[in-house]
Structures are given as structure tokens and as C-alpha cells.
Amino acid sequence: MIDQLLELSPNFGLDTLLLLPVLIALEAVLSADNAIALAALTQGLQDPALQRRALNIGLVLAYVLRMSLILTASWVLRFWQFELAGALYLLWLVFQYFSSSSDDEGEHPHHGPRFDSLWQAIPMIAVTDLAFSLDSVTTAIAVSRDLTIILMGATIGIITLRFMAGLFIRWLDEFTHLEDAGYITVALVGLRLLLRVINDQLVPPEWLMVGAIALIFLWGFSERADSDITEAEMSEPQSIHSVPTAKETPIETKK
């Protein structure tokens, strides 16, 4: 479907501009797994303000890396080691998440990588986006040889990714299974890259990947965290203890 849409507009002009809403919608769908992975990574920073800064700066760096990948794609794609490294990196993120889930403790558990500073999170965000881009750029190069369209799609993708990751940062606290669903989709992308290295014939078609990711996300959004009840339960004892009882009130004795 994507190649048919792009063939309608071989040159940058009115037809391409008319395709922009379609490109934005497609990038929003195809970037969902990437967005939730980046949102989960930023939760390794405790401060919400630092999370937003890490996402902004990290995606600027990711944009530079993604443009560099596109411009050198004809050279990069000749080396299967790049795709293997990307696959192993994504699968390592998934393994780290699920293997540390049972050992994590605390009031607000986070199972992914933890960061002590902003500058530890930024490279992880950029490298994670680059690993996802190995799959999307390969698909884009196979679909269209028009460098202008590919660069435009990558630019729209980064902008869409920023807004979607911001939404997922909030949704991760609202839905119980969403973070698990996000890392399962990361595993699918990593396995897809690994299969491409082993044998191109084993790589599932794009529509099958999108369908599988859609089903996983439906499960991720299936159960909302019962935050209203927990907040009420937490506020109730505070209201009781905030008013001192007769036994707790000190009684002054007359001398």
C-alpha cells in the first residue's frame, strides 16, 4: 500500500503535499512501538521535567543519526553486522526489562534501564531510535528511491514520534499492561531484524507486523490502573490522622 501511494507522487510537488496527511497517519501507526520504547526508557529518570528534556534532546540527536543513516543507506545495507547489532540491542532491552521485573522493589517500580543523569538517558534514546530506524529505513529504501520523499517521511516520523512518546509517558501510568505490551513489540522488531540477517525469506510482511502490533496494543490498553481508588484510600487515612483525637491532644495540668 505504501509503495502505491508513493508512486502517485514521484516528484516533490502538489501531489506530494496532498500525501502529507497520509504520510503522517502512516508514520503515527508505524512509530507506535518506537514511541512506547522511548517513553519507557525516559522513566529511568525520576524527574518528569528531566524526562521531557531527555526526550527532546535525545530525539534531536536521533534525527541527526536517522538522516545520516538514510544518506549512507546504500553503504550501510551492504553490512549485515549493522542489522545484527540493532537486533541484539533491542532484544537486550527486552531481556533486561523482563528479567529485572521480579527483582524490582519500590513504591513506583521501573523495570527498564535506570539513569543517574540526563546525559546518560540521551544516548540510549538516540541509539534505540537508530535501531528501530534500521528496519524502517530498509523498508523505505525498498519502497521508493526518491530521496526527498524518504527524508520527508523521516522528518515527519521524528516529529510524530515526539508527540506520541509524550502521550505514552502519561499512558504508562494509566494502563496496567501497556509497558509490557510495548516491550513485546520491541521484541518483535528485534526478531524481525534478526530474521532479515539470517534469511530475507523468513521476514514476515509489513501488514502482518502492523496487525500483530495492533493486537498487542489493544491488550496493553485493555486494563486501566485503578488510580482513583488508590488515591482515595491514600487520602482517607491522612484526613483521619490530620485531626488529633482526644487521647492524642495534650492536657495541660494546673499547678
C-alpha atoms as a PDB file:
ATOM      1  CA  MET A   1       0.000   0.000   0.000  1.00  0.00           C
ATOM      2  CA  ILE A   2       2.788   2.433   0.851  1.00  0.00           C
ATOM      3  CA  ASP A   3       4.591   1.910  -2.441  1.00  0.00           C
ATOM      4  CA  GLN A   4       1.383   2.558  -4.392  1.00  0.00           C
ATOM      5  CA  LEU A   5       0.853   5.828  -2.540  1.00  0.00           C
ATOM      6  CA  LEU A   6       4.397   6.999  -3.141  1.00  0.00           C
ATOM      7  CA  GLU A   7       4.268   6.075  -6.824  1.00  0.00           C
ATOM      8  CA  LEU A   8       1.456   8.606  -7.200  1.00  0.00           C
ATOM      9  CA  SER A   9       3.958  11.354  -6.424  1.00  0.00           C
ATOM     10  CA  PRO A  10       7.400  10.705  -7.913  1.00  0.00           C
ATOM     11  CA  ASN A  11       8.402  14.370  -7.624  1.00  0.00           C
ATOM     12  CA  PHE A  12       8.074  16.895  -4.841  1.00  0.00           C
ATOM     13  CA  GLY A  13       5.014  18.947  -5.743  1.00  0.00           C
ATOM     14  CA  LEU A  14       1.304  19.304  -5.170  1.00  0.00           C
ATOM     15  CA  ASP A  15       0.731  15.551  -5.188  1.00  0.00           C
ATOM     16  CA  THR A  16       3.368  15.083  -2.507  1.00  0.00           C
ATOM     17  CA  LEU A  17       1.824  17.804  -0.363  1.00  0.00           C
ATOM     18  CA  LEU A  18      -1.549  16.112  -0.701  1.00  0.00           C
ATOM     19  CA  LEU A  19       0.067  12.896   0.542  1.00  0.00           C
ATOM     20  CA  LEU A  20       1.375  14.551   3.717  1.00  0.00           C
ATOM     21  CA  PRO A  21      -1.710  13.678   5.854  1.00  0.00           C
ATOM     22  CA  VAL A  22      -1.421  10.071   4.673  1.00  0.00           C
ATOM     23  CA  LEU A  23       2.300  10.007   5.462  1.00  0.00           C
ATOM     24  CA  ILE A  24       1.654  11.463   8.924  1.00  0.00           C
ATOM     25  CA  ALA A  25      -1.020   8.836   9.635  1.00  0.00           C
ATOM     26  CA  LEU A  26       1.258   6.033   8.424  1.00  0.00           C
ATOM     27  CA  GLU A  27       4.176   7.309  10.492  1.00  0.00           C
ATOM     28  CA  ALA A  28       1.919   7.507  13.557  1.00  0.00           C
ATOM     29  CA  VAL A  29       0.964   3.845  13.150  1.00  0.00           C
ATOM     30  CA  LEU A  30       4.450   2.603  12.304  1.00  0.00           C
ATOM     31  CA  SER A  31       6.121   4.658  15.073  1.00  0.00           C
ATOM     32  CA  ALA A  32       3.878   3.460  17.903  1.00  0.00           C
ATOM     33  CA  ASP A  33       6.234   0.682  19.014  1.00  0.00           C
ATOM     34  CA  ASN A  34       9.226   3.043  18.830  1.00  0.00           C
ATOM     35  CA  ALA A  35       7.374   5.733  20.799  1.00  0.00           C
ATOM     36  CA  ILE A  36       6.456   3.467  23.682  1.00  0.00           C
ATOM     37  CA  ALA A  37      10.012   2.123  23.857  1.00  0.00           C
ATOM     38  CA  LEU A  38      11.391   5.658  24.174  1.00  0.00           C
ATOM     39  CA  ALA A  39       8.698   6.595  26.691  1.00  0.00           C
ATOM     40  CA  ALA A  40       9.593   3.577  28.821  1.00  0.00           C
ATOM     41  CA  LEU A  41      13.291   4.490  28.650  1.00  0.00           C
ATOM     42  CA  THR A  42      12.673   8.029  29.892  1.00  0.00           C
ATOM     43  CA  GLN A  43      11.015   6.623  33.001  1.00  0.00           C
ATOM     44  CA  GLY A  44      14.511   5.693  34.134  1.00  0.00           C
ATOM     45  CA  LEU A  45      14.711   9.377  35.119  1.00  0.00           C
ATOM     46  CA  GLN A  46      12.681  10.185  38.199  1.00  0.00           C
ATOM     47  CA  ASP A  47      12.010  13.855  37.435  1.00  0.00           C
ATOM     48  CA  PRO A  48       9.231  14.452  34.826  1.00  0.00           C
ATOM     49  CA  ALA A  49      10.978  17.656  33.708  1.00  0.00           C
ATOM     50  CA  LEU A  50      14.164  15.682  33.025  1.00  0.00           C
ATOM     51  CA  GLN A  51      12.126  13.089  31.135  1.00  0.00           C
ATOM     52  CA  ARG A  52      10.838  15.765  28.742  1.00  0.00           C
ATOM     53  CA  ARG A  53      14.290  17.295  28.294  1.00  0.00           C
ATOM     54  CA  ALA A  54      15.848  13.880  27.641  1.00  0.00           C
ATOM     55  CA  LEU A  55      13.174  13.126  25.065  1.00  0.00           C
ATOM     56  CA  ASN A  56      13.619  16.470  23.291  1.00  0.00           C
ATOM     57  CA  ILE A  57      17.419  16.398  23.169  1.00  0.00           C
ATOM     58  CA  GLY A  58      17.561  12.651  22.508  1.00  0.00           C
ATOM     59  CA  LEU A  59      15.243  12.927  19.509  1.00  0.00           C
ATOM     60  CA  VAL A  60      17.252  15.817  18.050  1.00  0.00           C
ATOM     61  CA  LEU A  61      20.290  13.540  18.175  1.00  0.00           C
ATOM     62  CA  ALA A  62      18.171  10.674  16.855  1.00  0.00           C
ATOM     63  CA  TYR A  63      17.091  12.851  13.917  1.00  0.00           C
ATOM     64  CA  VAL A  64      20.721  13.543  13.003  1.00  0.00           C
ATOM     65  CA  LEU A  65      21.539   9.828  13.211  1.00  0.00           C
ATOM     66  CA  ARG A  66      18.458   8.882  11.195  1.00  0.00           C
ATOM     67  CA  MET A  67      19.307  11.378   8.423  1.00  0.00           C
ATOM     68  CA  SER A  68      22.872  10.067   8.382  1.00  0.00           C
ATOM     69  CA  LEU A  69      21.573   6.522   8.097  1.00  0.00           C
ATOM     70  CA  ILE A  70      19.342   7.447   5.157  1.00  0.00           C
ATOM     71  CA  LEU A  71      22.136   9.266   3.313  1.00  0.00           C
ATOM     72  CA  THR A  72      24.520   6.338   3.798  1.00  0.00           C
ATOM     73  CA  ALA A  73      21.888   3.590   3.459  1.00  0.00           C
ATOM     74  CA  SER A  74      23.329   2.235   0.221  1.00  0.00           C
ATOM     75  CA  TRP A  75      26.614   1.618   2.064  1.00  0.00           C
ATOM     76  CA  VAL A  76      25.174   0.555   5.440  1.00  0.00           C
ATOM     77  CA  LEU A  77      22.798  -2.033   3.976  1.00  0.00           C
ATOM     78  CA  ARG A  78      25.722  -3.934   2.497  1.00  0.00           C
ATOM     79  CA  PHE A  79      26.880  -4.858   6.009  1.00  0.00           C
ATOM     80  CA  TRP A  80      24.581  -7.270   7.803  1.00  0.00           C
ATOM     81  CA  GLN A  81      26.515  -6.584  11.024  1.00  0.00           C
ATOM     82  CA  PHE A  82      24.613  -3.301  11.500  1.00  0.00           C
ATOM     83  CA  GLU A  83      21.232  -5.030  11.465  1.00  0.00           C
ATOM     84  CA  LEU A  84      22.558  -7.775  13.729  1.00  0.00           C
ATOM     85  CA  ALA A  85      23.805  -5.180  16.219  1.00  0.00           C
ATOM     86  CA  GLY A  86      20.443  -3.400  16.135  1.00  0.00           C
ATOM     87  CA  ALA A  87      18.548  -6.657  16.658  1.00  0.00           C
ATOM     88  CA  LEU A  88      20.749  -7.726  19.578  1.00  0.00           C
ATOM     89  CA  TYR A  89      20.443  -4.294  21.185  1.00  0.00           C
ATOM     90  CA  LEU A  90      16.630  -4.316  21.041  1.00  0.00           C
ATOM     91  CA  LEU A  91      16.462  -7.887  22.327  1.00  0.00           C
ATOM     92  CA  TRP A  92      18.864  -6.923  25.140  1.00  0.00           C
ATOM     93  CA  LEU A  93      16.464  -4.128  26.176  1.00  0.00           C
ATOM     94  CA  VAL A  94      13.596  -6.638  26.265  1.00  0.00           C
ATOM     95  CA  PHE A  95      15.632  -9.191  28.227  1.00  0.00           C
ATOM     96  CA  GLN A  96      16.712  -6.557  30.745  1.00  0.00           C
ATOM     97  CA  TYR A  97      13.130  -5.438  31.246  1.00  0.00           C
ATOM     98  CA  PHE A  98      11.531  -8.838  31.798  1.00  0.00           C
ATOM     99  CA  SER A  99      14.441 -10.356  33.737  1.00  0.00           C
ATOM    100  CA  SER A 100      14.500  -7.486  36.254  1.00  0.00           C
ATOM    101  CA  SER A 101      10.748  -7.273  36.769  1.00  0.00           C
ATOM    102  CA  SER A 102      10.647  -9.761  39.650  1.00  0.00           C
ATOM    103  CA  ASP A 103      13.611  -8.203  41.455  1.00  0.00           C
ATOM    104  CA  ASP A 104      12.394  -4.593  41.326  1.00  0.00           C
ATOM    105  CA  GLU A 105      11.025  -3.095  44.508  1.00  0.00           C
ATOM    106  CA  GLY A 106       9.684   0.276  45.483  1.00  0.00           C
ATOM    107  CA  GLU A 107       6.538   2.336  45.510  1.00  0.00           C
ATOM    108  CA  HIS A 108       6.807   3.161  41.775  1.00  0.00           C
ATOM    109  CA  PRO A 109       8.706   0.247  40.198  1.00  0.00           C
ATOM    110  CA  HIS A 110      10.566   0.731  36.927  1.00  0.00           C
ATOM    111  CA  HIS A 111      11.952  -2.357  35.223  1.00  0.00           C
ATOM    112  CA  GLY A 112      13.944  -0.777  32.412  1.00  0.00           C
ATOM    113  CA  PRO A 113      17.358   0.922  32.463  1.00  0.00           C
ATOM    114  CA  ARG A 114      17.923   3.500  35.206  1.00  0.00           C
ATOM    115  CA  PHE A 115      19.787   6.751  34.744  1.00  0.00           C
ATOM    116  CA  ASP A 116      21.567   8.905  37.291  1.00  0.00           C
ATOM    117  CA  SER A 117      21.699  11.928  34.999  1.00  0.00           C
ATOM    118  CA  LEU A 118      20.126  13.421  31.892  1.00  0.00           C
ATOM    119  CA  TRP A 119      23.206  12.730  29.760  1.00  0.00           C
ATOM    120  CA  GLN A 120      23.031   9.006  30.447  1.00  0.00           C
ATOM    121  CA  ALA A 121      19.482   8.805  29.065  1.00  0.00           C
ATOM    122  CA  ILE A 122      20.029  10.854  25.891  1.00  0.00           C
ATOM    123  CA  PRO A 123      22.423   8.408  24.126  1.00  0.00           C
ATOM    124  CA  MET A 124      20.116   5.488  24.970  1.00  0.00           C
ATOM    125  CA  ILE A 125      17.155   7.298  23.386  1.00  0.00           C
ATOM    126  CA  ALA A 126      19.141   8.137  20.244  1.00  0.00           C
ATOM    127  CA  VAL A 127      20.593   4.616  19.857  1.00  0.00           C
ATOM    128  CA  THR A 128      17.190   2.991  20.432  1.00  0.00           C
ATOM    129  CA  ASP A 129      15.620   5.125  17.700  1.00  0.00           C
ATOM    130  CA  LEU A 130      18.544   4.272  15.420  1.00  0.00           C
ATOM    131  CA  ALA A 131      17.967   0.550  15.992  1.00  0.00           C
ATOM    132  CA  PHE A 132      14.301   0.944  15.047  1.00  0.00           C
ATOM    133  CA  SER A 133      15.321   3.036  12.025  1.00  0.00           C
ATOM    134  CA  LEU A 134      17.370   0.144  10.617  1.00  0.00           C
ATOM    135  CA  ASP A 135      14.081  -1.619   9.955  1.00  0.00           C
ATOM    136  CA  SER A 136      12.044   1.381   8.760  1.00  0.00           C
ATOM    137  CA  VAL A 137      14.779   2.848   6.546  1.00  0.00           C
ATOM    138  CA  THR A 138      15.340  -0.520   4.872  1.00  0.00           C
ATOM    139  CA  THR A 139      11.618  -0.673   4.112  1.00  0.00           C
ATOM    140  CA  ALA A 140      11.577   2.926   2.858  1.00  0.00           C
ATOM    141  CA  ILE A 141      14.536   2.341   0.529  1.00  0.00           C
ATOM    142  CA  ALA A 142      12.836  -0.751  -0.883  1.00  0.00           C
ATOM    143  CA  VAL A 143       9.585   1.168  -1.414  1.00  0.00           C
ATOM    144  CA  SER A 144      10.920   4.352  -3.020  1.00  0.00           C
ATOM    145  CA  ARG A 145      14.226   5.547  -4.444  1.00  0.00           C
ATOM    146  CA  ASP A 146      13.163   9.208  -4.156  1.00  0.00           C
ATOM    147  CA  LEU A 147      15.498  10.633  -1.510  1.00  0.00           C
ATOM    148  CA  THR A 148      13.262  13.680  -0.982  1.00  0.00           C
ATOM    149  CA  ILE A 149      10.256  11.565  -0.041  1.00  0.00           C
ATOM    150  CA  ILE A 150      12.345   9.357   2.249  1.00  0.00           C
ATOM    151  CA  LEU A 151      13.865  12.347   4.064  1.00  0.00           C
ATOM    152  CA  MET A 152      10.454  13.983   4.366  1.00  0.00           C
ATOM    153  CA  GLY A 153       8.974  10.801   5.788  1.00  0.00           C
ATOM    154  CA  ALA A 154      11.801  10.537   8.323  1.00  0.00           C
ATOM    155  CA  THR A 155      11.279  14.166   9.395  1.00  0.00           C
ATOM    156  CA  ILE A 156       7.550  13.618   9.843  1.00  0.00           C
ATOM    157  CA  GLY A 157       8.351  10.417  11.717  1.00  0.00           C
ATOM    158  CA  ILE A 158      10.579  12.174  14.266  1.00  0.00           C
ATOM    159  CA  ILE A 159       8.001  14.917  14.887  1.00  0.00           C
ATOM    160  CA  THR A 160       5.217  12.350  15.237  1.00  0.00           C
ATOM    161  CA  LEU A 161       7.438  10.256  17.478  1.00  0.00           C
ATOM    162  CA  ARG A 162       7.972  13.166  19.881  1.00  0.00           C
ATOM    163  CA  PHE A 163       4.254  13.783  20.373  1.00  0.00           C
ATOM    164  CA  MET A 164       3.400  10.101  20.640  1.00  0.00           C
ATOM    165  CA  ALA A 165       6.185   9.425  23.153  1.00  0.00           C
ATOM    166  CA  GLY A 166       4.885  12.312  25.270  1.00  0.00           C
ATOM    167  CA  LEU A 167       1.442  10.716  25.299  1.00  0.00           C
ATOM    168  CA  PHE A 168       2.833   7.284  26.150  1.00  0.00           C
ATOM    169  CA  ILE A 169       4.759   8.707  29.116  1.00  0.00           C
ATOM    170  CA  ARG A 170       1.403   9.627  30.627  1.00  0.00           C
ATOM    171  CA  TRP A 171      -0.415   6.489  29.489  1.00  0.00           C
ATOM    172  CA  LEU A 172       2.195   4.185  31.017  1.00  0.00           C
ATOM    173  CA  ASP A 173       0.970   5.267  34.450  1.00  0.00           C
ATOM    174  CA  GLU A 174      -2.684   4.875  33.466  1.00  0.00           C
ATOM    175  CA  PHE A 175      -2.745   1.401  31.895  1.00  0.00           C
ATOM    176  CA  THR A 176      -1.522  -1.710  33.672  1.00  0.00           C
ATOM    177  CA  HIS A 177      -0.279  -3.789  30.725  1.00  0.00           C
ATOM    178  CA  LEU A 178       0.914  -1.022  28.406  1.00  0.00           C
ATOM    179  CA  GLU A 179       4.614  -1.154  29.324  1.00  0.00           C
ATOM    180  CA  ASP A 180       4.661  -4.949  28.927  1.00  0.00           C
ATOM    181  CA  ALA A 181       2.937  -4.586  25.556  1.00  0.00           C
ATOM    182  CA  GLY A 182       5.494  -2.001  24.475  1.00  0.00           C
ATOM    183  CA  TYR A 183       8.445  -4.248  25.216  1.00  0.00           C
ATOM    184  CA  ILE A 184       6.765  -7.182  23.453  1.00  0.00           C
ATOM    185  CA  THR A 185       6.545  -5.044  20.301  1.00  0.00           C
ATOM    186  CA  VAL A 186      10.214  -4.122  20.747  1.00  0.00           C
ATOM    187  CA  ALA A 187      10.960  -7.849  20.797  1.00  0.00           C
ATOM    188  CA  LEU A 188       9.025  -8.286  17.537  1.00  0.00           C
ATOM    189  CA  VAL A 189      11.071  -5.585  15.816  1.00  0.00           C
ATOM    190  CA  GLY A 190      14.306  -7.105  17.131  1.00  0.00           C
ATOM    191  CA  LEU A 191      13.303 -10.572  15.907  1.00  0.00           C
ATOM    192  CA  ARG A 192      12.333  -9.113  12.517  1.00  0.00           C
ATOM    193  CA  LEU A 193      15.807  -7.581  12.162  1.00  0.00           C
ATOM    194  CA  LEU A 194      17.394 -10.860  13.251  1.00  0.00           C
ATOM    195  CA  LEU A 195      15.391 -12.829  10.673  1.00  0.00           C
ATOM    196  CA  ARG A 196      16.468 -10.370   7.982  1.00  0.00           C
ATOM    197  CA  VAL A 197      20.096 -11.139   8.830  1.00  0.00           C
ATOM    198  CA  ILE A 198      19.525 -14.903   8.798  1.00  0.00           C
ATOM    199  CA  ASN A 199      17.288 -15.130   5.711  1.00  0.00           C
ATOM    200  CA  ASP A 200      15.222 -12.445   3.991  1.00  0.00           C
ATOM    201  CA  GLN A 201      12.627 -15.034   3.040  1.00  0.00           C
ATOM    202  CA  LEU A 202      11.777 -15.560   6.719  1.00  0.00           C
ATOM    203  CA  VAL A 203      10.891 -11.899   7.349  1.00  0.00           C
ATOM    204  CA  PRO A 204       7.115 -11.508   7.874  1.00  0.00           C
ATOM    205  CA  PRO A 205       5.330  -8.993   5.639  1.00  0.00           C
ATOM    206  CA  GLU A 206       4.734  -5.445   6.879  1.00  0.00           C
ATOM    207  CA  TRP A 207       0.954  -5.864   7.143  1.00  0.00           C
ATOM    208  CA  LEU A 208       1.390  -8.885   9.417  1.00  0.00           C
ATOM    209  CA  MET A 209       3.739  -6.941  11.712  1.00  0.00           C
ATOM    210  CA  VAL A 210       1.334  -3.990  11.899  1.00  0.00           C
ATOM    211  CA  GLY A 211      -1.572  -6.316  12.656  1.00  0.00           C
ATOM    212  CA  ALA A 212       0.345  -8.123  15.395  1.00  0.00           C
ATOM    213  CA  ILE A 213       1.462  -4.827  16.981  1.00  0.00           C
ATOM    214  CA  ALA A 214      -2.127  -3.526  16.846  1.00  0.00           C
ATOM    215  CA  LEU A 215      -3.407  -6.599  18.706  1.00  0.00           C
ATOM    216  CA  ILE A 216      -0.652  -6.288  21.319  1.00  0.00           C
ATOM    217  CA  PHE A 217      -1.507  -2.627  21.867  1.00  0.00           C
ATOM    218  CA  LEU A 218      -5.195  -3.481  22.252  1.00  0.00           C
ATOM    219  CA  TRP A 219      -4.175  -5.767  25.101  1.00  0.00           C
ATOM    220  CA  GLY A 220      -1.928  -3.046  26.504  1.00  0.00           C
ATOM    221  CA  PHE A 221      -4.852  -0.616  26.692  1.00  0.00           C
ATOM    222  CA  SER A 222      -7.302  -3.245  27.943  1.00  0.00           C
ATOM    223  CA  GLU A 223      -6.904  -2.579  31.681  1.00  0.00           C
ATOM    224  CA  ARG A 224      -6.766   0.830  33.267  1.00  0.00           C
ATOM    225  CA  ALA A 225      -4.859   1.266  36.519  1.00  0.00           C
ATOM    226  CA  ASP A 226      -7.296   1.832  39.386  1.00  0.00           C
ATOM    227  CA  SER A 227      -5.693   5.126  40.378  1.00  0.00           C
ATOM    228  CA  ASP A 228      -8.901   6.757  41.631  1.00  0.00           C
ATOM    229  CA  ILE A 229      -9.431   4.101  44.299  1.00  0.00           C
ATOM    230  CA  THR A 230      -5.811   4.075  45.396  1.00  0.00           C
ATOM    231  CA  GLU A 231      -5.766   7.857  45.736  1.00  0.00           C
ATOM    232  CA  ALA A 232      -8.965   7.766  47.779  1.00  0.00           C
ATOM    233  CA  GLU A 233      -7.545   5.061  50.004  1.00  0.00           C
ATOM    234  CA  MET A 234      -4.344   7.026  50.466  1.00  0.00           C
ATOM    235  CA  SER A 235      -6.137  10.281  51.241  1.00  0.00           C
ATOM    236  CA  GLU A 236      -8.602   8.758  53.707  1.00  0.00           C
ATOM    237  CA  PRO A 237      -6.135   7.837  56.462  1.00  0.00           C
ATOM    238  CA  GLN A 238      -4.422  11.190  56.046  1.00  0.00           C
ATOM    239  CA  SER A 239      -7.689  13.002  56.711  1.00  0.00           C
ATOM    240  CA  ILE A 240      -8.278  10.879  59.802  1.00  0.00           C
ATOM    241  CA  HIS A 241      -4.819  11.356  61.256  1.00  0.00           C
ATOM    242  CA  SER A 242      -4.707  15.042  60.422  1.00  0.00           C
ATOM    243  CA  VAL A 243      -7.303  15.723  63.118  1.00  0.00           C
ATOM    244  CA  PRO A 244      -5.967  14.856  66.565  1.00  0.00           C
ATOM    245  CA  THR A 245      -8.196  12.769  68.792  1.00  0.00           C
ATOM    246  CA  ALA A 246      -8.994  13.498  72.383  1.00  0.00           C
ATOM    247  CA  LYS A 247      -6.438  10.963  73.568  1.00  0.00           C
ATOM    248  CA  GLU A 248      -3.713  12.466  71.387  1.00  0.00           C
ATOM    249  CA  THR A 249      -4.448  16.070  72.463  1.00  0.00           C
ATOM    250  CA  PRO A 250      -2.140  17.041  75.317  1.00  0.00           C
ATOM    251  CA  ILE A 251      -3.918  18.092  78.534  1.00  0.00           C
ATOM    252  CA  GLU A 252      -2.434  20.928  80.439  1.00  0.00           C
ATOM    253  CA  THR A 253      -2.329  20.375  84.193  1.00  0.00           C
ATOM    254  CA  LYS A 254      -2.852  23.199  86.587  1.00  0.00           C
ATOM    255  CA  LYS A 255      -0.120  23.799  89.099  1.00  0.00           C
END
